[in-house]
Amino acid sequence: MKSPRRDRGFTLVSVLVALAILSIGLLALARAQAAMVASQGNTANRTVALTIARDYAEVLRSRSPWTLVSEAPVAVDARGQPVAGGAYRRTTNVTVLANNLLQVQVVVSYPRSTVPVDIVTLIYRSS
């Protein structure tokens, strides 16, 4: 007569398969976490660059429209203040669209990005 089987555990193969699936899942989770942290850093830099561009556009709007000229790239810090070796680069392009209308473009590039922040505004100058 046969004795009843007492196989009530996991086989070595099933444990190894479970560990392999678990390790693949953990690696995918780690990569997703790393991508999320990198995206957060990029978003933070973009937000600072946007703030710099907005603030400088407001400064330009407060000036006399007859004195506005294009500016070469300037290194600025996170507050928009000119600093040698600043992490951000601010450029201003002023284009005369008509005798009494200017297009002012403020471009701010930031670290590890190929797409800068670009703000364009129109300024009317009375004669």
C-alpha atoms as a PDB file:
ATOM      1  CA  MET A   1       0.000   0.000   0.000  1.00  0.00           C
ATOM      2  CA  LYS A   2       1.190   3.512  -0.827  1.00  0.00           C
ATOM      3  CA  SER A   3       1.897   5.972   1.920  1.00  0.00           C
ATOM      4  CA  PRO A   4       0.228   9.411   1.656  1.00  0.00           C
ATOM      5  CA  ARG A   5       2.414  12.150   0.190  1.00  0.00           C
ATOM      6  CA  ARG A   6       3.503  14.858   2.509  1.00  0.00           C
ATOM      7  CA  ASP A   7       4.556  17.465  -0.075  1.00  0.00           C
ATOM      8  CA  ARG A   8       3.319  20.568   1.609  1.00  0.00           C
ATOM      9  CA  GLY A   9       6.099  23.028   0.815  1.00  0.00           C
ATOM     10  CA  PHE A  10       7.514  24.930  -2.110  1.00  0.00           C
ATOM     11  CA  THR A  11       9.971  23.441  -4.493  1.00  0.00           C
ATOM     12  CA  LEU A  12      13.308  25.067  -5.079  1.00  0.00           C
ATOM     13  CA  VAL A  13      12.312  25.913  -8.648  1.00  0.00           C
ATOM     14  CA  SER A  14       9.141  27.732  -7.568  1.00  0.00           C
ATOM     15  CA  VAL A  15      11.104  29.755  -4.987  1.00  0.00           C
ATOM     16  CA  LEU A  16      13.705  30.743  -7.609  1.00  0.00           C
ATOM     17  CA  VAL A  17      10.985  31.767 -10.088  1.00  0.00           C
ATOM     18  CA  ALA A  18       9.266  33.865  -7.410  1.00  0.00           C
ATOM     19  CA  LEU A  19      12.562  35.557  -6.504  1.00  0.00           C
ATOM     20  CA  ALA A  20      13.279  36.302 -10.163  1.00  0.00           C
ATOM     21  CA  ILE A  21       9.847  37.884 -10.647  1.00  0.00           C
ATOM     22  CA  LEU A  22      10.245  39.877  -7.427  1.00  0.00           C
ATOM     23  CA  SER A  23      13.691  41.155  -8.442  1.00  0.00           C
ATOM     24  CA  ILE A  24      12.439  42.246 -11.880  1.00  0.00           C
ATOM     25  CA  GLY A  25       9.578  44.130 -10.226  1.00  0.00           C
ATOM     26  CA  LEU A  26      11.918  45.823  -7.743  1.00  0.00           C
ATOM     27  CA  LEU A  27      14.299  46.870 -10.531  1.00  0.00           C
ATOM     28  CA  ALA A  28      11.417  48.391 -12.487  1.00  0.00           C
ATOM     29  CA  LEU A  29      10.286  50.236  -9.376  1.00  0.00           C
ATOM     30  CA  ALA A  30      13.804  51.578  -8.771  1.00  0.00           C
ATOM     31  CA  ARG A  31      14.073  52.833 -12.356  1.00  0.00           C
ATOM     32  CA  ALA A  32      10.694  54.528 -12.108  1.00  0.00           C
ATOM     33  CA  GLN A  33      11.776  56.203  -8.874  1.00  0.00           C
ATOM     34  CA  ALA A  34      15.018  57.435 -10.463  1.00  0.00           C
ATOM     35  CA  ALA A  35      13.120  58.825 -13.454  1.00  0.00           C
ATOM     36  CA  MET A  36      10.693  60.586 -11.139  1.00  0.00           C
ATOM     37  CA  VAL A  37      13.503  62.211  -9.133  1.00  0.00           C
ATOM     38  CA  ALA A  38      15.185  63.405 -12.349  1.00  0.00           C
ATOM     39  CA  SER A  39      11.878  64.788 -13.599  1.00  0.00           C
ATOM     40  CA  GLN A  40      11.354  66.653 -10.325  1.00  0.00           C
ATOM     41  CA  GLY A  41      14.782  68.286 -10.644  1.00  0.00           C
ATOM     42  CA  ASN A  42      14.042  69.344 -14.212  1.00  0.00           C
ATOM     43  CA  THR A  43      10.662  70.724 -13.189  1.00  0.00           C
ATOM     44  CA  ALA A  44      12.212  72.705 -10.343  1.00  0.00           C
ATOM     45  CA  ASN A  45      14.833  74.219 -12.691  1.00  0.00           C
ATOM     46  CA  ARG A  46      12.147  75.069 -15.245  1.00  0.00           C
ATOM     47  CA  THR A  47      10.024  76.757 -12.586  1.00  0.00           C
ATOM     48  CA  VAL A  48      12.959  78.894 -11.460  1.00  0.00           C
ATOM     49  CA  ALA A  49      13.763  79.795 -15.086  1.00  0.00           C
ATOM     50  CA  LEU A  50      10.132  80.769 -15.676  1.00  0.00           C
ATOM     51  CA  THR A  51      10.161  82.976 -12.573  1.00  0.00           C
ATOM     52  CA  ILE A  52      13.369  84.671 -13.739  1.00  0.00           C
ATOM     53  CA  ALA A  53      11.863  85.309 -17.191  1.00  0.00           C
ATOM     54  CA  ARG A  54       8.584  86.675 -15.801  1.00  0.00           C
ATOM     55  CA  ASP A  55      10.313  88.944 -13.314  1.00  0.00           C
ATOM     56  CA  TYR A  56      12.656  90.356 -15.942  1.00  0.00           C
ATOM     57  CA  ALA A  57       9.791  90.876 -18.394  1.00  0.00           C
ATOM     58  CA  GLU A  58       8.088  92.951 -15.689  1.00  0.00           C
ATOM     59  CA  VAL A  59      11.286  94.958 -15.199  1.00  0.00           C
ATOM     60  CA  LEU A  60      11.411  95.639 -18.933  1.00  0.00           C
ATOM     61  CA  ARG A  61       7.737  96.665 -18.979  1.00  0.00           C
ATOM     62  CA  SER A  62       8.450  99.236 -16.261  1.00  0.00           C
ATOM     63  CA  ARG A  63      11.184 100.897 -18.331  1.00  0.00           C
ATOM     64  CA  SER A  64      10.651 103.517 -20.993  1.00  0.00           C
ATOM     65  CA  PRO A  65       9.823 101.705 -24.256  1.00  0.00           C
ATOM     66  CA  TRP A  66      12.154 104.051 -26.138  1.00  0.00           C
ATOM     67  CA  THR A  67      15.198 102.804 -24.201  1.00  0.00           C
ATOM     68  CA  LEU A  68      14.667  99.055 -24.664  1.00  0.00           C
ATOM     69  CA  VAL A  69      17.354  97.219 -26.610  1.00  0.00           C
ATOM     70  CA  SER A  70      18.359  93.593 -27.089  1.00  0.00           C
ATOM     71  CA  GLU A  71      20.788  92.201 -24.528  1.00  0.00           C
ATOM     72  CA  ALA A  72      23.499  89.579 -24.859  1.00  0.00           C
ATOM     73  CA  PRO A  73      23.278  86.452 -22.684  1.00  0.00           C
ATOM     74  CA  VAL A  74      23.832  87.206 -19.000  1.00  0.00           C
ATOM     75  CA  ALA A  75      24.604  84.619 -16.324  1.00  0.00           C
ATOM     76  CA  VAL A  76      22.134  84.958 -13.451  1.00  0.00           C
ATOM     77  CA  ASP A  77      21.463  83.143 -10.196  1.00  0.00           C
ATOM     78  CA  ALA A  78      18.185  81.550  -9.103  1.00  0.00           C
ATOM     79  CA  ARG A  79      16.834  84.984  -8.089  1.00  0.00           C
ATOM     80  CA  GLY A  80      17.619  86.510 -11.494  1.00  0.00           C
ATOM     81  CA  GLN A  81      20.521  88.623 -10.229  1.00  0.00           C
ATOM     82  CA  PRO A  82      23.542  88.857 -12.556  1.00  0.00           C
ATOM     83  CA  VAL A  83      26.332  86.677 -11.154  1.00  0.00           C
ATOM     84  CA  ALA A  84      29.528  85.449 -12.764  1.00  0.00           C
ATOM     85  CA  GLY A  85      29.130  81.723 -13.320  1.00  0.00           C
ATOM     86  CA  GLY A  86      25.376  81.728 -12.606  1.00  0.00           C
ATOM     87  CA  ALA A  87      23.496  78.548 -13.431  1.00  0.00           C
ATOM     88  CA  TYR A  88      20.920  80.304 -15.618  1.00  0.00           C
ATOM     89  CA  ARG A  89      21.422  82.349 -18.808  1.00  0.00           C
ATOM     90  CA  ARG A  90      19.065  85.223 -19.619  1.00  0.00           C
ATOM     91  CA  THR A  91      18.839  86.784 -23.078  1.00  0.00           C
ATOM     92  CA  THR A  92      16.598  89.623 -24.238  1.00  0.00           C
ATOM     93  CA  ASN A  93      15.589  90.256 -27.841  1.00  0.00           C
ATOM     94  CA  VAL A  94      13.763  93.477 -28.728  1.00  0.00           C
ATOM     95  CA  THR A  95      12.175  93.685 -32.176  1.00  0.00           C
ATOM     96  CA  VAL A  96      10.439  96.768 -33.560  1.00  0.00           C
ATOM     97  CA  LEU A  97       7.249  95.506 -35.206  1.00  0.00           C
ATOM     98  CA  ALA A  98       5.901  98.957 -36.030  1.00  0.00           C
ATOM     99  CA  ASN A  99       6.871 102.519 -35.176  1.00  0.00           C
ATOM    100  CA  ASN A 100       4.932 102.301 -31.931  1.00  0.00           C
ATOM    101  CA  LEU A 101       5.029  98.541 -31.172  1.00  0.00           C
ATOM    102  CA  LEU A 102       7.844  96.443 -29.742  1.00  0.00           C
ATOM    103  CA  GLN A 103       8.088  92.704 -29.348  1.00  0.00           C
ATOM    104  CA  VAL A 104      10.190  91.813 -26.311  1.00  0.00           C
ATOM    105  CA  GLN A 105      11.370  88.229 -25.902  1.00  0.00           C
ATOM    106  CA  VAL A 106      13.040  87.035 -22.698  1.00  0.00           C
ATOM    107  CA  VAL A 107      14.756  83.642 -23.001  1.00  0.00           C
ATOM    108  CA  VAL A 108      16.164  81.837 -19.968  1.00  0.00           C
ATOM    109  CA  SER A 109      18.137  78.633 -20.375  1.00  0.00           C
ATOM    110  CA  TYR A 110      18.832  76.415 -17.414  1.00  0.00           C
ATOM    111  CA  PRO A 111      21.117  73.496 -16.495  1.00  0.00           C
ATOM    112  CA  ARG A 112      20.713  70.121 -18.226  1.00  0.00           C
ATOM    113  CA  SER A 113      18.008  71.259 -20.605  1.00  0.00           C
ATOM    114  CA  THR A 114      17.887  71.760 -24.334  1.00  0.00           C
ATOM    115  CA  VAL A 115      14.587  73.672 -24.321  1.00  0.00           C
ATOM    116  CA  PRO A 116      14.808  77.121 -22.700  1.00  0.00           C
ATOM    117  CA  VAL A 117      11.941  79.088 -21.184  1.00  0.00           C
ATOM    118  CA  ASP A 118      10.730  81.733 -23.632  1.00  0.00           C
ATOM    119  CA  ILE A 119       8.394  84.634 -22.799  1.00  0.00           C
ATOM    120  CA  VAL A 120       7.223  87.074 -25.467  1.00  0.00           C
ATOM    121  CA  THR A 121       5.351  90.305 -24.760  1.00  0.00           C
ATOM    122  CA  LEU A 122       4.265  93.253 -26.841  1.00  0.00           C
ATOM    123  CA  ILE A 123       4.923  96.795 -25.616  1.00  0.00           C
ATOM    124  CA  TYR A 124       3.216  99.835 -27.020  1.00  0.00           C
ATOM    125  CA  ARG A 125       5.226 103.043 -27.142  1.00  0.00           C
ATOM    126  CA  SER A 126       3.335 106.245 -27.675  1.00  0.00           C
ATOM    127  CA  SER A 127       4.710 108.912 -29.954  1.00  0.00           C
END
